Amino acid sequence: MTLLRCGVMVVSLAKAKAWIKAHWNWLVLVGLFCLAYVLGKKSSGTLLAQATIAKDQYKKESQEIERVAREKNNRDKKNTNRTKEIIKKIEEKKEKDLSRLETDIDADQVFRNLGIDER
């Protein structure tokens, strides 16, 4: 019986060897696909981690840019209001000076100050 089993096993090995010899290219392709899948699976995990980190960094940068833009808008509003106040004060001073000049000006006095006498 053991001899029979040995013979069956030898025949099976011979059949397997013949099949492998005939289909070696398909076996190589299947092996390469399996290898690519295993290697790709490892790198996809790192790519996912990198994408998550990049997304978080983008969100932080976006929030920082929005905060800086809000601060700039507030600063610009303050500067605009301050400029308007300064312009208003200058105009009030100008009006006050003009009204004072109009009341203070006497043509005869100006001529006398210049050294021009009446004739």
N, C-alpha and C. Protein backbone atom coordinates (compact mmCIF):
# COMPACT_ATOMS: atom_id res chain seq x y z
N MET A 1 0.80 -1.19 0.00
CA MET A 1 0.00 0.00 0.00
C MET A 1 0.85 1.26 0.00
N THR A 2 1.88 1.22 0.73
CA THR A 2 2.73 2.40 0.79
C THR A 2 3.38 2.65 -0.56
N LEU A 3 3.67 1.55 -1.27
CA LEU A 3 4.25 1.69 -2.58
C LEU A 3 3.25 2.31 -3.55
N LEU A 4 2.01 1.96 -3.39
CA LEU A 4 0.96 2.51 -4.23
C LEU A 4 0.79 4.00 -3.97
N ARG A 5 0.86 4.33 -2.68
CA ARG A 5 0.74 5.76 -2.33
C ARG A 5 1.93 6.54 -2.88
N CYS A 6 3.07 5.96 -2.80
CA CYS A 6 4.28 6.61 -3.31
C CYS A 6 4.16 6.80 -4.82
N GLY A 7 3.64 5.84 -5.50
CA GLY A 7 3.48 5.93 -6.94
C GLY A 7 2.46 6.98 -7.33
N VAL A 8 1.39 7.06 -6.57
CA VAL A 8 0.36 8.08 -6.83
C VAL A 8 0.94 9.47 -6.61
N MET A 9 1.76 9.58 -5.56
CA MET A 9 2.35 10.86 -5.25
C MET A 9 3.35 11.27 -6.34
N VAL A 10 4.10 10.32 -6.85
CA VAL A 10 5.07 10.61 -7.91
C VAL A 10 4.32 11.05 -9.16
N VAL A 11 3.22 10.35 -9.47
CA VAL A 11 2.42 10.71 -10.65
C VAL A 11 1.84 12.10 -10.45
N SER A 12 1.36 12.42 -9.25
CA SER A 12 0.78 13.73 -8.97
C SER A 12 1.84 14.82 -9.10
N LEU A 13 3.04 14.53 -8.62
CA LEU A 13 4.11 15.52 -8.73
C LEU A 13 4.50 15.74 -10.19
N ALA A 14 4.48 14.66 -10.96
CA ALA A 14 4.81 14.77 -12.38
C ALA A 14 3.75 15.60 -13.10
N LYS A 15 2.47 15.38 -12.76
CA LYS A 15 1.39 16.16 -13.38
C LYS A 15 1.51 17.63 -12.97
N ALA A 16 1.80 17.89 -11.71
CA ALA A 16 1.92 19.26 -11.23
C ALA A 16 3.09 19.96 -11.93
N LYS A 17 4.20 19.24 -12.10
CA LYS A 17 5.37 19.81 -12.77
C LYS A 17 5.03 20.14 -14.21
N ALA A 18 4.34 19.25 -14.90
CA ALA A 18 3.96 19.49 -16.29
C ALA A 18 3.00 20.69 -16.40
N TRP A 19 2.06 20.78 -15.47
CA TRP A 19 1.10 21.89 -15.50
C TRP A 19 1.82 23.23 -15.24
N ILE A 20 2.74 23.24 -14.29
CA ILE A 20 3.48 24.45 -13.97
C ILE A 20 4.33 24.87 -15.17
N LYS A 21 4.95 23.91 -15.84
CA LYS A 21 5.78 24.20 -17.00
C LYS A 21 4.93 24.78 -18.13
N ALA A 22 3.72 24.31 -18.28
CA ALA A 22 2.86 24.79 -19.35
C ALA A 22 2.25 26.16 -19.04
N HIS A 23 2.02 26.45 -17.79
CA HIS A 23 1.32 27.69 -17.41
C HIS A 23 2.19 28.61 -16.55
N TRP A 24 3.47 28.59 -16.73
CA TRP A 24 4.37 29.36 -15.87
C TRP A 24 4.10 30.85 -15.96
N ASN A 25 3.73 31.34 -17.17
CA ASN A 25 3.52 32.78 -17.32
C ASN A 25 2.32 33.26 -16.50
N TRP A 26 1.26 32.46 -16.42
CA TRP A 26 0.10 32.84 -15.59
C TRP A 26 0.44 32.83 -14.11
N LEU A 27 1.23 31.88 -13.71
CA LEU A 27 1.65 31.83 -12.30
C LEU A 27 2.49 33.05 -11.93
N VAL A 28 3.35 33.45 -12.84
CA VAL A 28 4.18 34.64 -12.58
C VAL A 28 3.29 35.88 -12.48
N LEU A 29 2.33 36.02 -13.37
CA LEU A 29 1.42 37.18 -13.34
C LEU A 29 0.61 37.22 -12.05
N VAL A 30 0.07 36.09 -11.66
CA VAL A 30 -0.71 36.04 -10.41
C VAL A 30 0.18 36.39 -9.22
N GLY A 31 1.40 35.89 -9.21
CA GLY A 31 2.35 36.21 -8.14
C GLY A 31 2.67 37.69 -8.10
N LEU A 32 2.87 38.31 -9.26
CA LEU A 32 3.16 39.74 -9.32
C LEU A 32 1.97 40.58 -8.86
N PHE A 33 0.77 40.16 -9.25
CA PHE A 33 -0.42 40.88 -8.78
C PHE A 33 -0.55 40.80 -7.27
N CYS A 34 -0.30 39.64 -6.73
CA CYS A 34 -0.37 39.49 -5.26
C CYS A 34 0.68 40.36 -4.58
N LEU A 35 1.89 40.37 -5.12
CA LEU A 35 2.97 41.19 -4.57
C LEU A 35 2.63 42.68 -4.66
N ALA A 36 2.11 43.11 -5.81
CA ALA A 36 1.73 44.51 -5.98
C ALA A 36 0.62 44.91 -5.02
N TYR A 37 -0.33 44.00 -4.81
CA TYR A 37 -1.42 44.29 -3.88
C TYR A 37 -0.89 44.47 -2.45
N VAL A 38 -0.03 43.58 -2.03
CA VAL A 38 0.51 43.65 -0.67
C VAL A 38 1.34 44.91 -0.49
N LEU A 39 2.21 45.21 -1.45
CA LEU A 39 3.04 46.41 -1.34
C LEU A 39 2.21 47.69 -1.46
N GLY A 40 1.21 47.67 -2.33
CA GLY A 40 0.34 48.83 -2.50
C GLY A 40 -0.51 49.09 -1.29
N LYS A 41 -0.91 48.06 -0.61
CA LYS A 41 -1.74 48.22 0.58
C LYS A 41 -0.96 48.94 1.68
N LYS A 42 0.31 48.63 1.82
CA LYS A 42 1.13 49.29 2.84
C LYS A 42 1.30 50.77 2.52
N SER A 43 1.58 51.08 1.26
CA SER A 43 1.81 52.48 0.90
C SER A 43 0.51 53.28 0.91
N SER A 44 -0.61 52.62 0.67
CA SER A 44 -1.88 53.35 0.70
C SER A 44 -2.19 53.83 2.10
N GLY A 45 -1.79 53.08 3.09
CA GLY A 45 -1.99 53.52 4.48
C GLY A 45 -1.18 54.77 4.78
N THR A 46 0.07 54.81 4.31
CA THR A 46 0.89 56.00 4.54
C THR A 46 0.37 57.18 3.73
N LEU A 47 -0.12 56.91 2.52
CA LEU A 47 -0.69 57.99 1.71
C LEU A 47 -1.94 58.56 2.38
N LEU A 48 -2.75 57.70 2.97
CA LEU A 48 -3.94 58.16 3.67
C LEU A 48 -3.55 59.01 4.88
N ALA A 49 -2.54 58.59 5.60
CA ALA A 49 -2.07 59.37 6.75
C ALA A 49 -1.54 60.73 6.29
N GLN A 50 -0.78 60.76 5.20
CA GLN A 50 -0.26 62.02 4.68
C GLN A 50 -1.40 62.92 4.22
N ALA A 51 -2.41 62.35 3.57
CA ALA A 51 -3.55 63.14 3.12
C ALA A 51 -4.31 63.73 4.30
N THR A 52 -4.46 62.97 5.36
CA THR A 52 -5.14 63.46 6.56
C THR A 52 -4.36 64.60 7.19
N ILE A 53 -3.05 64.45 7.28
CA ILE A 53 -2.21 65.51 7.84
C ILE A 53 -2.29 66.77 6.97
N ALA A 54 -2.25 66.59 5.66
CA ALA A 54 -2.34 67.74 4.75
C ALA A 54 -3.68 68.44 4.88
N LYS A 55 -4.75 67.67 5.03
CA LYS A 55 -6.09 68.25 5.19
C LYS A 55 -6.16 69.06 6.48
N ASP A 56 -5.65 68.52 7.58
CA ASP A 56 -5.65 69.23 8.85
C ASP A 56 -4.82 70.51 8.75
N GLN A 57 -3.67 70.42 8.10
CA GLN A 57 -2.81 71.60 7.92
C GLN A 57 -3.53 72.66 7.09
N TYR A 58 -4.24 72.23 6.03
CA TYR A 58 -4.99 73.16 5.19
C TYR A 58 -6.06 73.86 5.99
N LYS A 59 -6.77 73.13 6.85
CA LYS A 59 -7.81 73.74 7.67
C LYS A 59 -7.22 74.78 8.62
N LYS A 60 -6.08 74.45 9.24
CA LYS A 60 -5.43 75.39 10.15
C LYS A 60 -5.00 76.65 9.41
N GLU A 61 -4.39 76.47 8.24
CA GLU A 61 -3.95 77.62 7.46
C GLU A 61 -5.14 78.47 7.02
N SER A 62 -6.22 77.81 6.62
CA SER A 62 -7.41 78.53 6.19
C SER A 62 -7.98 79.36 7.34
N GLN A 63 -8.07 78.78 8.53
CA GLN A 63 -8.57 79.51 9.68
C GLN A 63 -7.65 80.68 10.03
N GLU A 64 -6.36 80.48 9.92
CA GLU A 64 -5.40 81.54 10.22
C GLU A 64 -5.53 82.69 9.21
N ILE A 65 -5.70 82.35 7.95
CA ILE A 65 -5.86 83.37 6.92
C ILE A 65 -7.14 84.16 7.16
N GLU A 66 -8.23 83.47 7.52
CA GLU A 66 -9.49 84.16 7.81
C GLU A 66 -9.35 85.08 9.01
N ARG A 67 -8.64 84.62 10.05
CA ARG A 67 -8.44 85.45 11.24
C ARG A 67 -7.64 86.71 10.90
N VAL A 68 -6.58 86.54 10.12
CA VAL A 68 -5.75 87.68 9.72
C VAL A 68 -6.57 88.65 8.86
N ALA A 69 -7.40 88.12 7.98
CA ALA A 69 -8.24 88.98 7.13
C ALA A 69 -9.23 89.78 7.98
N ARG A 70 -9.83 89.13 9.00
CA ARG A 70 -10.76 89.85 9.88
C ARG A 70 -10.03 90.96 10.64
N GLU A 71 -8.83 90.64 11.15
CA GLU A 71 -8.05 91.66 11.86
C GLU A 71 -7.71 92.82 10.94
N LYS A 72 -7.36 92.52 9.70
CA LYS A 72 -7.02 93.57 8.74
C LYS A 72 -8.23 94.44 8.45
N ASN A 73 -9.40 93.82 8.28
CA ASN A 73 -10.61 94.58 8.04
C ASN A 73 -10.92 95.50 9.22
N ASN A 74 -10.79 94.98 10.44
CA ASN A 74 -11.03 95.81 11.62
C ASN A 74 -10.04 96.97 11.68
N ARG A 75 -8.78 96.69 11.41
CA ARG A 75 -7.75 97.72 11.41
C ARG A 75 -8.04 98.77 10.34
N ASP A 76 -8.47 98.32 9.15
CA ASP A 76 -8.79 99.26 8.08
C ASP A 76 -9.99 100.13 8.44
N LYS A 77 -10.99 99.54 9.10
CA LYS A 77 -12.16 100.32 9.52
C LYS A 77 -11.75 101.38 10.54
N LYS A 78 -10.90 100.98 11.50
CA LYS A 78 -10.42 101.95 12.49
C LYS A 78 -9.67 103.09 11.80
N ASN A 79 -8.79 102.72 10.87
CA ASN A 79 -8.02 103.75 10.16
C ASN A 79 -8.92 104.66 9.34
N THR A 80 -9.94 104.09 8.71
CA THR A 80 -10.88 104.88 7.92
C THR A 80 -11.64 105.85 8.82
N ASN A 81 -12.13 105.34 9.96
CA ASN A 81 -12.85 106.21 10.89
C ASN A 81 -11.94 107.31 11.42
N ARG A 82 -10.74 106.95 11.75
CA ARG A 82 -9.78 107.93 12.26
C ARG A 82 -9.47 108.99 11.20
N THR A 83 -9.30 108.54 9.96
CA THR A 83 -9.04 109.48 8.87
C THR A 83 -10.22 110.43 8.68
N LYS A 84 -11.43 109.91 8.75
CA LYS A 84 -12.62 110.76 8.61
C LYS A 84 -12.68 111.79 9.74
N GLU A 85 -12.36 111.35 10.95
CA GLU A 85 -12.36 112.28 12.08
C GLU A 85 -11.32 113.38 11.88
N ILE A 86 -10.14 113.00 11.43
CA ILE A 86 -9.07 113.99 11.20
C ILE A 86 -9.47 114.96 10.10
N ILE A 87 -10.04 114.45 9.02
CA ILE A 87 -10.50 115.31 7.94
C ILE A 87 -11.58 116.27 8.43
N LYS A 88 -12.49 115.76 9.25
CA LYS A 88 -13.56 116.60 9.79
C LYS A 88 -12.97 117.71 10.67
N LYS A 89 -12.00 117.36 11.52
CA LYS A 89 -11.36 118.36 12.37
C LYS A 89 -10.63 119.41 11.54
N ILE A 90 -9.94 118.96 10.50
CA ILE A 90 -9.23 119.90 9.63
C ILE A 90 -10.20 120.85 8.94
N GLU A 91 -11.31 120.29 8.45
CA GLU A 91 -12.30 121.14 7.79
C GLU A 91 -12.92 122.13 8.77
N GLU A 92 -13.20 121.68 10.01
CA GLU A 92 -13.74 122.60 11.01
C GLU A 92 -12.75 123.70 11.31
N LYS A 93 -11.49 123.35 11.44
CA LYS A 93 -10.45 124.35 11.71
C LYS A 93 -10.33 125.32 10.54
N LYS A 94 -10.43 124.78 9.33
CA LYS A 94 -10.35 125.62 8.13
C LYS A 94 -11.51 126.61 8.09
N GLU A 95 -12.71 126.13 8.38
CA GLU A 95 -13.90 127.00 8.41
C GLU A 95 -13.75 128.08 9.49
N LYS A 96 -13.26 127.65 10.64
CA LYS A 96 -13.08 128.59 11.74
C LYS A 96 -12.05 129.66 11.38
N ASP A 97 -10.93 129.22 10.77
CA ASP A 97 -9.90 130.17 10.37
C ASP A 97 -10.41 131.12 9.29
N LEU A 98 -11.17 130.58 8.34
CA LEU A 98 -11.72 131.43 7.27
C LEU A 98 -12.70 132.46 7.84
N SER A 99 -13.56 132.01 8.74
CA SER A 99 -14.52 132.95 9.33
C SER A 99 -13.79 134.01 10.15
N ARG A 100 -12.74 133.63 10.83
CA ARG A 100 -11.96 134.59 11.61
C ARG A 100 -11.25 135.58 10.69
N LEU A 101 -10.71 135.09 9.58
CA LEU A 101 -10.04 135.97 8.63
C LEU A 101 -11.02 136.96 8.01
N GLU A 102 -12.22 136.48 7.71
CA GLU A 102 -13.21 137.37 7.09
C GLU A 102 -13.60 138.50 8.04
N THR A 103 -13.68 138.19 9.32
CA THR A 103 -14.07 139.24 10.27
C THR A 103 -12.90 140.15 10.62
N ASP A 104 -11.68 139.64 10.55
CA ASP A 104 -10.51 140.43 10.93
C ASP A 104 -9.99 141.32 9.82
N ILE A 105 -10.35 141.05 8.60
CA ILE A 105 -9.76 141.78 7.48
C ILE A 105 -10.45 143.13 7.31
N ASP A 106 -9.62 144.15 7.33
CA ASP A 106 -10.07 145.51 7.01
C ASP A 106 -9.11 145.98 5.93
N ALA A 107 -9.61 146.33 4.78
CA ALA A 107 -8.76 146.67 3.64
C ALA A 107 -7.85 147.86 3.95
N ASP A 108 -8.38 148.89 4.60
CA ASP A 108 -7.55 150.06 4.93
C ASP A 108 -6.41 149.68 5.85
N GLN A 109 -6.67 148.79 6.82
CA GLN A 109 -5.64 148.37 7.76
C GLN A 109 -4.56 147.56 7.04
N VAL A 110 -4.96 146.71 6.09
CA VAL A 110 -4.00 145.92 5.33
C VAL A 110 -3.09 146.84 4.53
N PHE A 111 -3.67 147.85 3.89
CA PHE A 111 -2.86 148.79 3.10
C PHE A 111 -1.90 149.55 4.00
N ARG A 112 -2.36 149.95 5.17
CA ARG A 112 -1.49 150.67 6.10
C ARG A 112 -0.36 149.79 6.58
N ASN A 113 -0.67 148.52 6.80
CA ASN A 113 0.36 147.57 7.25
C ASN A 113 1.40 147.36 6.16
N LEU A 114 1.00 147.46 4.93
CA LEU A 114 1.93 147.29 3.83
C LEU A 114 2.72 148.58 3.54
N GLY A 115 2.31 149.66 4.15
CA GLY A 115 3.03 150.93 3.96
C GLY A 115 2.43 151.78 2.86
N ILE A 116 1.22 151.47 2.47
CA ILE A 116 0.54 152.23 1.45
C ILE A 116 -0.42 153.19 2.15
N ASP A 117 -0.23 154.49 1.85
CA ASP A 117 -1.10 155.51 2.48
C ASP A 117 -2.25 155.83 1.52
N GLU A 118 -3.31 156.37 2.13
CA GLU A 118 -4.47 156.76 1.33
C GLU A 118 -4.16 158.04 0.61
N ARG A 119 -4.69 158.21 -0.56
CA ARG A 119 -4.48 159.46 -1.28
C ARG A 119 -5.75 160.13 -1.51
